Every structure is written in structure tokens, then in C-alpha cells.
């Protein structure tokens, strides 16, 4: 690791996928179990050389440097024949299982499209084939019209608690303009994305008065053309109150039915008040 850096990317010490692994090529066979190579990439992204900073305390200019790195690395990975999907994500907080304290995230280059991503893409494609409209644009249009679940916004992005949220205070950040991936964003849009990410992180950390344990996932289209997909970011906080965590127990983990004891409209109001709004 260099002594001086703004943001820094390096290979994960314990990668789930590696360029040195055999190709991901499941064989057609009558066997029940099939083994395939785990060729891909696993990177760690350091957001700041200051290991004591919280993500919410990083200035918007620093977040834009992180976003620029995300964008460059996504394009690098998607240029490879063995990468089908690039996942940019962050796990934050001891409750999530994070052991490295300073602000960081990860980038995975998958040799396949992960199952939940595939489900989302298939749903978006099905809606597009029937209505010839982007499902995400329709959701954003309805949320803006309703207004009660919007937390913050600027000219290029809107952060809201979706009507269909699974986690308490789950938030989605949508691009107003229909685009599919990070590299579709202009420099000014990346700047506004950085500003709104900072606002969202501040609101989360001010909601209960301590750093919110959460997962952040940058959702962008897989390799190839997917005009029905819409760039967005998911924030999945696991704190259900100031003293309780949201556990994915039998109903959620075993049945896939999420029970939420909060209303999105009420939580959105609390988050709007939690930190200065950009809207």
C-alpha cells in the first residue's frame, strides 16, 4: 500500500473469485452436482487515508473520487470476457460483521449474474416487454408524485424509502435520468451523486445518534445491453430501532416474506429530520 493516496484499490486478501482460477464453465451433465471454476475478481476500495473517518464524515469531493474509482474499475472488469456482472458494495458496522474499521468498500467481478440480480433484471425486462416503459422510471415517477417517502434529492438523483422496502429505513437512490451504469453518468452527475450519498449517510448516522450498520449496493446493468435496467443504489440498514437489530429469522430467511414493523412514510419523515436535507 502506498504511503500517500486519496482513494486506493487492491486485491482482496481472501478472494471468493480470482483471475487465476479456472474458467466458470459448468458442464452439461446428468450429475446432480456440478463444479465450475470461480474465475473473477475481488477488490477492496479504501475511501480515505484517514482510517478514523466514518463514511458519513467524508466530504462530497472525496465521495466523488470514490465514485470515479468505482466507474473506472467497473469498465475494466466488464471489458473482460469472463466477467458478467460487477457488484460495487459496502458493509459497514460490527453488527454486519466488519472487522476493518476504516472507511472502505468492495468490488466483485462475477463470472455469472447473481440470482437476486437476475430476478430483478428479469422482472424489469418483463415489465418493459409489456408496457414498453422502464419499471424503475415508473416507480420513481410515482414516488415523486406521492412525495411522502422521499428523503432527499437534487437535480440528478432522488433518495427515497421504497413502498416495497424490506428493511427498516431501507433506502433507494435513483438517477432521475434513465441510464444503466456508472460510466453513463456525466461528471456533473457523479458530483451530484457524491453529494447525495453524503447526505444519505449523514441522515443514517444521525437517525439514532450512532453510526448505522448497513449494506450499500450499487446496482448497474450486467455485461451486454439491458435498456430496461435503471442505475440505482440500495441502502440496507439492519437497525430497527435505537436498541434493536433487524434479524432475518424464519419468515424472512426461510420463506422470503419480510416483516417490517415500521411504515416507510414514518421512517422517511424521521430521516428527513435527521440531518440537513439537500432537497
Protein backbone atom coordinates (compact mmCIF):
# COMPACT_ATOMS: atom_id res chain seq x y z
CA UNK A 1 0.00 0.00 0.00
CA UNK A 2 1.39 3.44 -0.89
CA UNK A 3 2.19 5.93 1.85
CA UNK A 4 0.09 8.66 0.25
CA UNK A 5 -3.20 8.21 -1.59
CA UNK A 6 -6.68 9.71 -1.93
CA UNK A 7 -8.56 6.51 -2.71
CA UNK A 8 -6.95 3.14 -3.22
CA UNK A 9 -7.92 -0.21 -4.74
CA UNK A 10 -6.16 -3.50 -4.02
CA UNK A 11 -6.95 -7.24 -4.40
CA UNK A 12 -8.84 -8.85 -1.52
CA UNK A 13 -6.53 -10.97 0.64
CA UNK A 14 -9.14 -13.74 0.77
CA UNK A 15 -10.89 -13.59 -2.63
CA UNK A 16 -14.01 -15.56 -3.47
CA UNK A 17 -13.13 -15.10 -7.16
CA UNK A 18 -9.71 -14.78 -8.78
CA UNK A 19 -8.28 -14.34 -12.28
CA UNK A 20 -6.04 -17.33 -11.54
CA UNK A 21 -8.98 -19.72 -11.03
CA UNK A 22 -10.25 -21.99 -13.82
CA UNK A 23 -12.96 -20.54 -16.09
CA UNK A 24 -16.57 -20.60 -14.96
CA UNK A 25 -17.85 -23.24 -17.37
CA UNK A 26 -20.44 -25.59 -15.85
CA UNK A 27 -20.53 -28.76 -17.90
CA UNK A 28 -23.74 -30.27 -19.21
CA UNK A 29 -24.08 -33.49 -17.29
CA UNK A 30 -26.63 -35.85 -15.79
CA UNK A 31 -24.97 -35.49 -12.40
CA UNK A 32 -26.86 -33.73 -9.61
CA UNK A 33 -23.86 -31.67 -8.52
CA UNK A 34 -21.70 -29.70 -10.96
CA UNK A 35 -18.44 -27.91 -10.17
CA UNK A 36 -17.36 -24.80 -12.05
CA UNK A 37 -14.35 -22.52 -11.80
CA UNK A 38 -14.54 -19.33 -9.73
CA UNK A 39 -12.69 -17.02 -12.11
CA UNK A 40 -13.41 -13.36 -11.45
CA UNK A 41 -12.20 -10.50 -9.27
CA UNK A 42 -12.48 -9.32 -5.67
CA UNK A 43 -11.17 -5.86 -4.82
CA UNK A 44 -11.10 -3.71 -1.70
CA UNK A 45 -11.61 0.04 -2.09
CA UNK A 46 -10.19 2.35 0.59
CA UNK A 47 -12.26 5.54 0.68
CA UNK A 48 -9.74 7.66 2.58
CA UNK A 49 -6.21 7.51 4.03
CA UNK A 50 -7.72 8.61 7.35
CA UNK A 51 -8.63 5.32 9.00
CA UNK A 52 -10.71 7.03 11.69
CA UNK A 53 -13.18 8.70 9.34
CA UNK A 54 -16.75 7.50 9.08
CA UNK A 55 -18.19 7.28 5.55
CA UNK A 56 -20.73 9.92 6.60
CA UNK A 57 -17.94 12.34 7.52
CA UNK A 58 -16.18 12.19 4.14
CA UNK A 59 -16.63 15.38 2.09
CA UNK A 60 -18.56 15.14 -1.16
CA UNK A 61 -15.31 15.74 -3.08
CA UNK A 62 -13.89 12.58 -1.53
CA UNK A 63 -17.01 10.60 -2.38
CA UNK A 64 -16.65 11.72 -5.98
CA UNK A 65 -13.13 10.30 -6.06
CA UNK A 66 -14.56 7.01 -4.77
CA UNK A 67 -17.28 7.07 -7.45
CA UNK A 68 -14.68 7.79 -10.17
CA UNK A 69 -12.70 4.75 -8.99
CA UNK A 70 -15.88 2.62 -8.99
CA UNK A 71 -16.57 3.75 -12.55
CA UNK A 72 -13.07 3.06 -13.87
CA UNK A 73 -12.86 -0.38 -12.25
CA UNK A 74 -16.35 -1.37 -13.43
CA UNK A 75 -15.39 -0.60 -17.03
CA UNK A 76 -12.13 -2.52 -16.65
CA UNK A 77 -13.88 -5.61 -15.34
CA UNK A 78 -16.77 -5.57 -17.82
CA UNK A 79 -14.22 -5.45 -20.65
CA UNK A 80 -13.15 -8.97 -19.65
CA UNK A 81 -14.85 -11.92 -21.34
CA UNK A 82 -15.02 -13.85 -18.07
CA UNK A 83 -16.95 -11.15 -16.13
CA UNK A 84 -20.73 -10.99 -16.41
CA UNK A 85 -21.64 -8.69 -13.51
CA UNK A 86 -19.81 -6.11 -11.41
CA UNK A 87 -21.06 -5.55 -7.87
CA UNK A 88 -19.88 -2.42 -6.04
CA UNK A 89 -20.83 -2.69 -2.39
CA UNK A 90 -20.05 -1.74 1.19
CA UNK A 91 -20.60 -3.48 4.52
CA UNK A 92 -20.41 -1.11 7.48
CA UNK A 93 -20.54 -1.82 11.20
CA UNK A 94 -19.58 -4.55 13.64
CA UNK A 95 -23.18 -5.81 13.57
CA UNK A 96 -22.70 -6.57 9.85
CA UNK A 97 -19.50 -8.47 10.65
CA UNK A 98 -16.96 -5.87 9.53
CA UNK A 99 -13.53 -6.18 11.16
CA UNK A 100 -11.60 -3.45 9.30
CA UNK A 101 -12.52 -0.13 10.94
CA UNK A 102 -11.57 2.46 8.35
CA UNK A 103 -13.97 3.51 5.55
CA UNK A 104 -13.90 1.03 2.70
CA UNK A 105 -16.00 -0.97 0.30
CA UNK A 106 -15.51 -3.79 -2.18
CA UNK A 107 -15.92 -4.58 -5.87
CA UNK A 108 -16.69 -8.11 -7.07
CA UNK A 109 -16.46 -9.17 -10.69
CA UNK A 110 -18.74 -12.20 -11.04
CA UNK A 111 -18.38 -14.80 -13.81
CA UNK A 112 -22.20 -15.11 -13.72
CA UNK A 113 -25.19 -12.91 -12.91
CA UNK A 114 -26.05 -13.44 -9.21
CA UNK A 115 -29.53 -14.91 -8.55
CA UNK A 116 -31.17 -11.85 -6.92
CA UNK A 117 -29.76 -9.59 -9.62
CA UNK A 118 -31.08 -11.99 -12.26
CA UNK A 119 -34.54 -11.91 -10.66
CA UNK A 120 -34.56 -8.10 -10.66
CA UNK A 121 -33.38 -7.90 -14.26
CA UNK A 122 -35.94 -10.47 -15.43
CA UNK A 123 -38.74 -8.54 -13.70
CA UNK A 124 -37.63 -5.28 -15.29
CA UNK A 125 -37.40 -6.96 -18.70
CA UNK A 126 -40.88 -8.47 -18.35
CA UNK A 127 -42.41 -5.10 -17.45
CA UNK A 128 -40.61 -3.43 -20.34
CA UNK A 129 -41.82 -6.04 -22.82
CA UNK A 130 -45.44 -5.47 -21.75
CA UNK A 131 -45.58 -1.69 -21.25
CA UNK A 132 -42.50 -0.53 -23.22
CA UNK A 133 -41.56 1.53 -20.18
CA UNK A 134 -38.79 1.33 -17.60
CA UNK A 135 -40.15 -0.14 -14.37
CA UNK A 136 -37.74 1.97 -12.29
CA UNK A 137 -38.75 5.19 -14.05
CA UNK A 138 -42.38 4.34 -13.27
CA UNK A 139 -41.56 3.70 -9.60
CA UNK A 140 -39.61 6.96 -9.36
CA UNK A 141 -42.44 8.86 -11.07
CA UNK A 142 -44.98 7.52 -8.57
CA UNK A 143 -42.75 8.18 -5.57
CA UNK A 144 -42.16 11.79 -6.66
CA UNK A 145 -45.90 12.24 -7.21
CA UNK A 146 -46.69 10.86 -3.73
CA UNK A 147 -43.74 12.60 -2.03
CA UNK A 148 -44.17 11.12 1.46
CA UNK A 149 -41.33 8.60 1.15
CA UNK A 150 -38.74 10.93 -0.41
CA UNK A 151 -35.88 11.70 1.99
CA UNK A 152 -33.57 13.95 -0.07
CA UNK A 153 -32.95 14.92 -3.68
CA UNK A 154 -31.02 17.13 -6.07
CA UNK A 155 -31.20 17.87 -9.79
CA UNK A 156 -29.88 14.45 -10.83
CA UNK A 157 -30.85 11.98 -8.07
CA UNK A 158 -33.63 11.13 -5.63
CA UNK A 159 -33.24 9.20 -2.35
CA UNK A 160 -36.41 7.55 -1.05
CA UNK A 161 -37.77 4.80 1.16
CA UNK A 162 -39.47 2.50 -1.36
CA UNK A 163 -43.07 1.42 -0.85
CA UNK A 164 -41.85 -2.19 -1.09
CA UNK A 165 -38.93 -1.90 1.37
CA UNK A 166 -37.83 -4.98 3.28
CA UNK A 167 -35.58 -3.50 5.97
CA UNK A 168 -36.45 -0.73 8.43
CA UNK A 169 -35.27 2.55 6.85
CA UNK A 170 -34.27 0.79 3.61
CA UNK A 171 -33.48 3.47 1.05
CA UNK A 172 -33.00 3.57 -2.70
CA UNK A 173 -31.16 6.28 -4.59
CA UNK A 174 -32.33 6.65 -8.21
CA UNK A 175 -30.88 8.60 -11.09
CA UNK A 176 -33.55 10.93 -12.49
CA UNK A 177 -32.18 10.33 -15.98
CA UNK A 178 -32.65 6.85 -17.37
CA UNK A 179 -29.20 5.25 -17.55
CA UNK A 180 -27.80 1.79 -16.90
CA UNK A 181 -24.36 2.02 -15.31
CA UNK A 182 -21.81 4.25 -13.61
CA UNK A 183 -20.00 5.17 -16.80
CA UNK A 184 -23.26 6.53 -18.25
CA UNK A 185 -23.15 9.34 -15.68
CA UNK A 186 -21.64 12.68 -16.64
CA UNK A 187 -19.02 14.33 -14.44
CA UNK A 188 -21.61 16.72 -13.03
CA UNK A 189 -23.97 13.80 -12.30
CA UNK A 190 -21.18 11.95 -10.50
CA UNK A 191 -20.65 15.09 -8.42
CA UNK A 192 -24.33 15.25 -7.50
CA UNK A 193 -24.32 11.53 -6.73
CA UNK A 194 -21.44 12.12 -4.33
CA UNK A 195 -23.32 14.95 -2.63
CA UNK A 196 -26.45 12.87 -2.13
CA UNK A 197 -24.56 9.80 -0.87
CA UNK A 198 -23.00 12.03 1.78
CA UNK A 199 -26.42 13.40 2.78
CA UNK A 200 -27.90 9.88 3.00
CA UNK A 201 -25.02 8.63 5.14
CA UNK A 202 -25.32 11.64 7.46
CA UNK A 203 -29.02 11.03 7.88
CA UNK A 204 -28.48 7.39 8.73
CA UNK A 205 -25.83 8.16 11.35
CA UNK A 206 -27.97 10.90 12.87
CA UNK A 207 -31.17 8.84 12.95
CA UNK A 208 -30.30 7.09 16.23
CA UNK A 209 -27.21 9.08 17.16
CA UNK A 210 -24.59 6.47 16.23
CA UNK A 211 -23.08 5.05 13.01
CA UNK A 212 -25.73 2.97 11.28
CA UNK A 213 -24.75 -0.63 10.46
CA UNK A 214 -25.75 -1.13 6.86
CA UNK A 215 -25.11 -2.60 3.45
CA UNK A 216 -24.78 -0.36 0.40
CA UNK A 217 -25.08 -1.88 -3.08
CA UNK A 218 -24.54 -0.08 -6.38
CA UNK A 219 -26.96 -1.61 -8.87
CA UNK A 220 -25.92 -1.42 -12.53
CA UNK A 221 -26.58 -3.48 -15.62
CA UNK A 222 -24.65 -6.71 -16.32
CA UNK A 223 -22.45 -7.28 -19.33
CA UNK A 224 -24.29 -6.64 -22.59
CA UNK A 225 -27.25 -4.42 -23.39
CA UNK A 226 -30.14 -4.12 -20.94
CA UNK A 227 -32.11 -0.98 -21.88
CA UNK A 228 -34.82 -1.75 -19.31
CA UNK A 229 -32.38 -1.56 -16.39
CA UNK A 230 -32.01 1.68 -14.41
CA UNK A 231 -28.99 2.70 -12.34
CA UNK A 232 -29.71 2.92 -8.61
CA UNK A 233 -28.14 2.34 -5.21
CA UNK A 234 -29.67 0.26 -2.40
CA UNK A 235 -29.04 1.05 1.27
CA UNK A 236 -30.00 -1.80 3.62
CA UNK A 237 -29.68 -0.75 7.29
CA UNK A 238 -30.25 -3.50 9.85
CA UNK A 239 -31.04 -1.28 12.85
CA UNK A 240 -34.80 -1.46 13.53
CA UNK A 241 -34.65 0.97 16.47
CA UNK A 242 -32.02 2.64 18.62
CA UNK A 243 -31.63 -0.56 20.66
CA UNK A 244 -32.69 -3.41 18.35
CA UNK A 245 -31.36 -5.03 15.20
CA UNK A 246 -33.46 -6.46 12.38
CA UNK A 247 -32.77 -10.21 12.27
CA UNK A 248 -33.69 -12.22 9.20
CA UNK A 249 -35.38 -15.10 11.02
CA UNK A 250 -37.52 -17.99 9.76
CA UNK A 251 -40.18 -15.97 7.95
CA UNK A 252 -37.62 -13.82 6.11
CA UNK A 253 -34.82 -16.34 5.55
CA UNK A 254 -36.95 -19.43 5.09
CA UNK A 255 -39.97 -18.01 3.27
CA UNK A 256 -38.74 -14.79 1.73
CA UNK A 257 -41.56 -12.76 3.31
CA UNK A 258 -40.13 -9.70 5.05
CA UNK A 259 -41.95 -8.46 8.15
CA UNK A 260 -41.45 -4.76 8.79
CA UNK A 261 -42.71 -3.14 11.99
CA UNK A 262 -42.21 0.39 10.64
CA UNK A 263 -44.03 2.36 7.95
CA UNK A 264 -41.94 3.81 5.16
CA UNK A 265 -43.75 7.15 5.38
CA UNK A 266 -42.98 7.50 9.11
CA UNK A 267 -39.34 6.47 8.72
CA UNK A 268 -38.90 8.84 5.80
CA UNK A 269 -40.12 11.71 7.96
CA UNK A 270 -37.64 10.78 10.70
CA UNK A 271 -34.80 10.58 8.18
CA UNK A 272 -35.71 13.92 6.62
CA UNK A 273 -35.25 15.49 10.06
CA UNK A 274 -32.07 13.55 10.89
CA UNK A 275 -29.60 15.79 9.05
CA UNK A 276 -29.63 18.84 6.74
CA UNK A 277 -31.53 17.97 3.56
CA UNK A 278 -30.24 18.58 0.06
CA UNK A 279 -33.73 18.90 -1.42
